[in-house]
N, C-alpha and C. Protein backbone atom coordinates (compact mmCIF):
# COMPACT_ATOMS: atom_id res chain seq x y z
N UNK A 1 50.85 113.89 67.86
CA UNK A 1 49.50 113.71 67.38
C UNK A 1 48.44 114.03 68.40
N UNK A 2 47.46 114.88 68.12
CA UNK A 2 46.56 115.24 68.93
C UNK A 2 45.53 114.26 68.83
N UNK A 3 44.84 113.85 70.07
CA UNK A 3 43.67 113.11 69.81
C UNK A 3 42.46 113.30 69.21
N UNK A 4 42.39 114.47 69.12
CA UNK A 4 41.01 115.21 68.11
C UNK A 4 41.21 114.94 66.47
N UNK A 5 42.74 114.41 66.28
CA UNK A 5 42.75 113.88 64.88
C UNK A 5 42.05 112.75 64.78
N UNK A 6 41.63 112.06 65.68
CA UNK A 6 40.89 110.79 65.66
C UNK A 6 39.52 110.84 64.86
N UNK A 7 38.94 112.15 64.91
CA UNK A 7 37.58 112.30 64.06
C UNK A 7 37.75 112.43 62.90
N UNK A 8 39.13 112.71 62.37
CA UNK A 8 39.38 112.86 60.66
C UNK A 8 39.89 111.82 60.21
N UNK A 9 40.79 110.88 60.84
CA UNK A 9 41.32 109.98 59.94
C UNK A 9 40.82 108.52 60.19
N UNK A 10 41.05 107.77 58.98
CA UNK A 10 40.50 106.46 59.12
C UNK A 10 41.48 105.48 58.52
N UNK A 11 41.19 104.30 58.41
CA UNK A 11 42.15 103.41 58.01
C UNK A 11 42.02 103.33 56.16
N UNK A 12 43.37 103.55 55.78
CA UNK A 12 43.74 103.72 54.36
C UNK A 12 43.36 102.63 53.57
N UNK A 13 43.14 101.63 54.09
CA UNK A 13 43.07 100.38 53.58
C UNK A 13 41.50 100.37 53.20
N UNK A 14 40.68 100.38 54.30
CA UNK A 14 39.28 99.90 54.13
C UNK A 14 38.34 101.49 54.62
N UNK A 15 38.72 102.42 54.87
CA UNK A 15 38.24 103.53 55.31
C UNK A 15 37.41 103.36 56.76
N UNK A 16 37.82 102.38 57.53
CA UNK A 16 36.95 102.27 58.64
C UNK A 16 37.58 102.75 59.79
N UNK A 17 36.79 103.31 60.87
CA UNK A 17 37.42 104.11 61.94
C UNK A 17 38.47 103.22 62.67
N UNK A 18 39.41 104.04 63.14
CA UNK A 18 40.81 103.38 64.03
C UNK A 18 40.52 103.70 65.39
N UNK A 19 41.05 102.52 66.15
CA UNK A 19 41.26 102.59 67.68
C UNK A 19 42.48 103.13 68.18
N UNK A 20 42.71 103.96 69.08
CA UNK A 20 43.74 104.46 69.44
C UNK A 20 44.26 103.76 70.82
N UNK A 21 45.55 103.00 70.67
CA UNK A 21 46.32 102.78 71.84
C UNK A 21 47.45 103.59 72.37
N UNK A 22 47.30 104.29 73.29
CA UNK A 22 48.34 105.12 73.96
C UNK A 22 49.51 104.58 74.58
N UNK A 23 50.59 104.73 74.46
CA UNK A 23 51.84 104.24 75.08
C UNK A 23 52.53 105.23 75.86
N UNK A 24 52.46 106.48 75.03
CA UNK A 24 53.15 107.59 75.97
C UNK A 24 52.56 108.86 75.38
N UNK A 25 52.29 109.84 76.20
CA UNK A 25 51.56 111.30 75.92
C UNK A 25 52.10 112.37 76.69
N UNK A 26 52.01 113.55 76.40
CA UNK A 26 52.38 114.48 76.99
C UNK A 26 51.33 115.64 76.73
N UNK A 27 50.66 116.03 77.75
CA UNK A 27 49.56 116.82 77.68
C UNK A 27 48.55 116.32 76.92
N UNK A 28 48.04 117.11 75.93
CA UNK A 28 46.97 116.56 74.94
C UNK A 28 47.83 115.82 73.70
N UNK A 29 48.90 115.74 73.45
CA UNK A 29 49.90 115.17 72.63
C UNK A 29 49.83 113.66 72.67
N UNK A 30 49.71 112.63 71.94
CA UNK A 30 49.92 111.21 71.75
C UNK A 30 51.36 111.32 71.23
N UNK A 31 52.45 110.81 72.00
CA UNK A 31 53.90 110.57 71.52
C UNK A 31 54.14 109.41 71.00
N UNK A 32 53.40 108.26 71.48
CA UNK A 32 53.69 107.14 71.08
C UNK A 32 52.49 106.19 71.29
N UNK A 33 52.34 105.17 70.34
CA UNK A 33 51.26 104.11 70.40
C UNK A 33 50.95 103.57 68.94
N UNK A 34 49.71 103.07 69.06
CA UNK A 34 49.36 102.36 67.69
C UNK A 34 47.95 102.96 67.33
N UNK A 35 47.45 102.74 66.32
CA UNK A 35 46.16 102.96 65.62
C UNK A 35 45.64 101.54 64.95
N UNK A 36 44.76 100.99 65.49
CA UNK A 36 44.06 99.54 64.86
C UNK A 36 42.87 99.94 64.39
N UNK A 37 42.83 99.57 62.95
CA UNK A 37 41.30 99.36 62.21
C UNK A 37 40.48 98.42 62.99
N UNK A 38 39.32 99.09 63.20
CA UNK A 38 38.21 98.42 63.63
C UNK A 38 37.72 97.18 62.59
N UNK A 39 38.08 97.41 61.33
CA UNK A 39 37.45 96.15 60.66
C UNK A 39 38.64 95.24 60.16
N UNK A 40 39.71 95.52 59.63
CA UNK A 40 40.58 94.52 59.04
C UNK A 40 41.69 94.26 60.06
N UNK A 41 41.91 95.23 61.21
CA UNK A 41 42.91 94.58 62.33
C UNK A 41 44.34 95.16 61.81
N UNK A 42 44.43 95.99 60.78
CA UNK A 42 45.70 96.35 60.50
C UNK A 42 46.13 97.38 61.69
N UNK A 43 47.33 97.37 62.22
CA UNK A 43 47.94 98.22 62.92
C UNK A 43 48.76 99.25 62.24
N UNK A 44 48.84 100.53 62.96
CA UNK A 44 49.78 101.70 62.26
C UNK A 44 50.38 102.41 63.44
N UNK A 45 51.77 102.54 63.47
CA UNK A 45 52.45 103.05 64.74
C UNK A 45 52.46 104.56 64.75
N UNK A 46 52.33 104.99 66.03
CA UNK A 46 52.71 106.46 66.26
C UNK A 46 54.22 106.53 66.86
N UNK A 47 54.91 106.99 66.35
CA UNK A 47 56.40 107.47 66.52
C UNK A 47 56.69 108.99 66.50
N UNK A 48 57.22 109.08 67.76
CA UNK A 48 57.43 110.77 68.07
C UNK A 48 56.46 111.69 67.54
N UNK A 49 55.02 111.27 68.28
CA UNK A 49 53.95 112.16 67.66
C UNK A 49 53.40 111.88 66.61
N UNK A 50 54.09 111.28 65.40
CA UNK A 50 53.47 111.27 64.08
C UNK A 50 52.82 109.68 63.81
N UNK A 51 51.57 109.95 63.28
CA UNK A 51 50.94 108.62 62.91
C UNK A 51 51.61 108.16 61.81
N UNK A 52 51.85 106.89 61.33
CA UNK A 52 52.46 106.28 59.98
C UNK A 52 51.26 105.58 59.51
N UNK A 53 50.50 106.22 58.36
CA UNK A 53 49.27 105.76 57.98
C UNK A 53 49.67 105.14 56.43
N UNK A 54 50.87 104.76 56.34
CA UNK A 54 50.84 104.07 54.94
C UNK A 54 50.51 102.57 55.15
N UNK A 55 49.99 102.15 53.98
CA UNK A 55 49.69 100.67 53.76
C UNK A 55 50.97 99.76 54.29
N UNK A 56 50.86 98.74 54.88
CA UNK A 56 51.83 97.95 55.32
C UNK A 56 53.02 97.50 54.38
N UNK A 57 52.66 97.36 53.13
CA UNK A 57 53.69 97.08 52.12
C UNK A 57 54.50 98.32 51.80
N UNK A 58 53.97 99.37 51.75
CA UNK A 58 54.69 100.59 51.46
C UNK A 58 55.50 101.26 52.79
N UNK A 59 55.02 100.69 53.86
CA UNK A 59 55.97 101.00 55.22
C UNK A 59 57.33 100.21 55.15
N UNK A 60 57.17 99.01 54.55
CA UNK A 60 58.35 98.34 54.22
C UNK A 60 59.27 98.81 53.69
N UNK A 61 58.72 99.13 52.41
CA UNK A 61 59.51 99.80 51.42
C UNK A 61 60.18 101.24 51.87
N UNK A 62 59.34 102.03 52.49
CA UNK A 62 60.04 103.22 53.06
C UNK A 62 61.02 103.28 53.92
N UNK A 63 61.03 102.13 55.08
CA UNK A 63 62.15 101.74 55.69
C UNK A 63 63.53 101.39 55.20
N UNK A 64 63.50 100.77 54.26
CA UNK A 64 64.72 100.15 53.56
C UNK A 64 65.30 101.46 52.97
């Protein structure tokens, strides 16, 4: 995920801005980390450079 994506993505639940916490990056790509909503506090994982912005209940169903 490119950090410039932060300008256009928001929390899918309440449309509030997201805060980026980077665990691993390569040049300008965020490879692992989390996105946290500044309003509701929900967290969204970034794995292999892909942010998972599914709401929590849908994430659990998709993993099954």
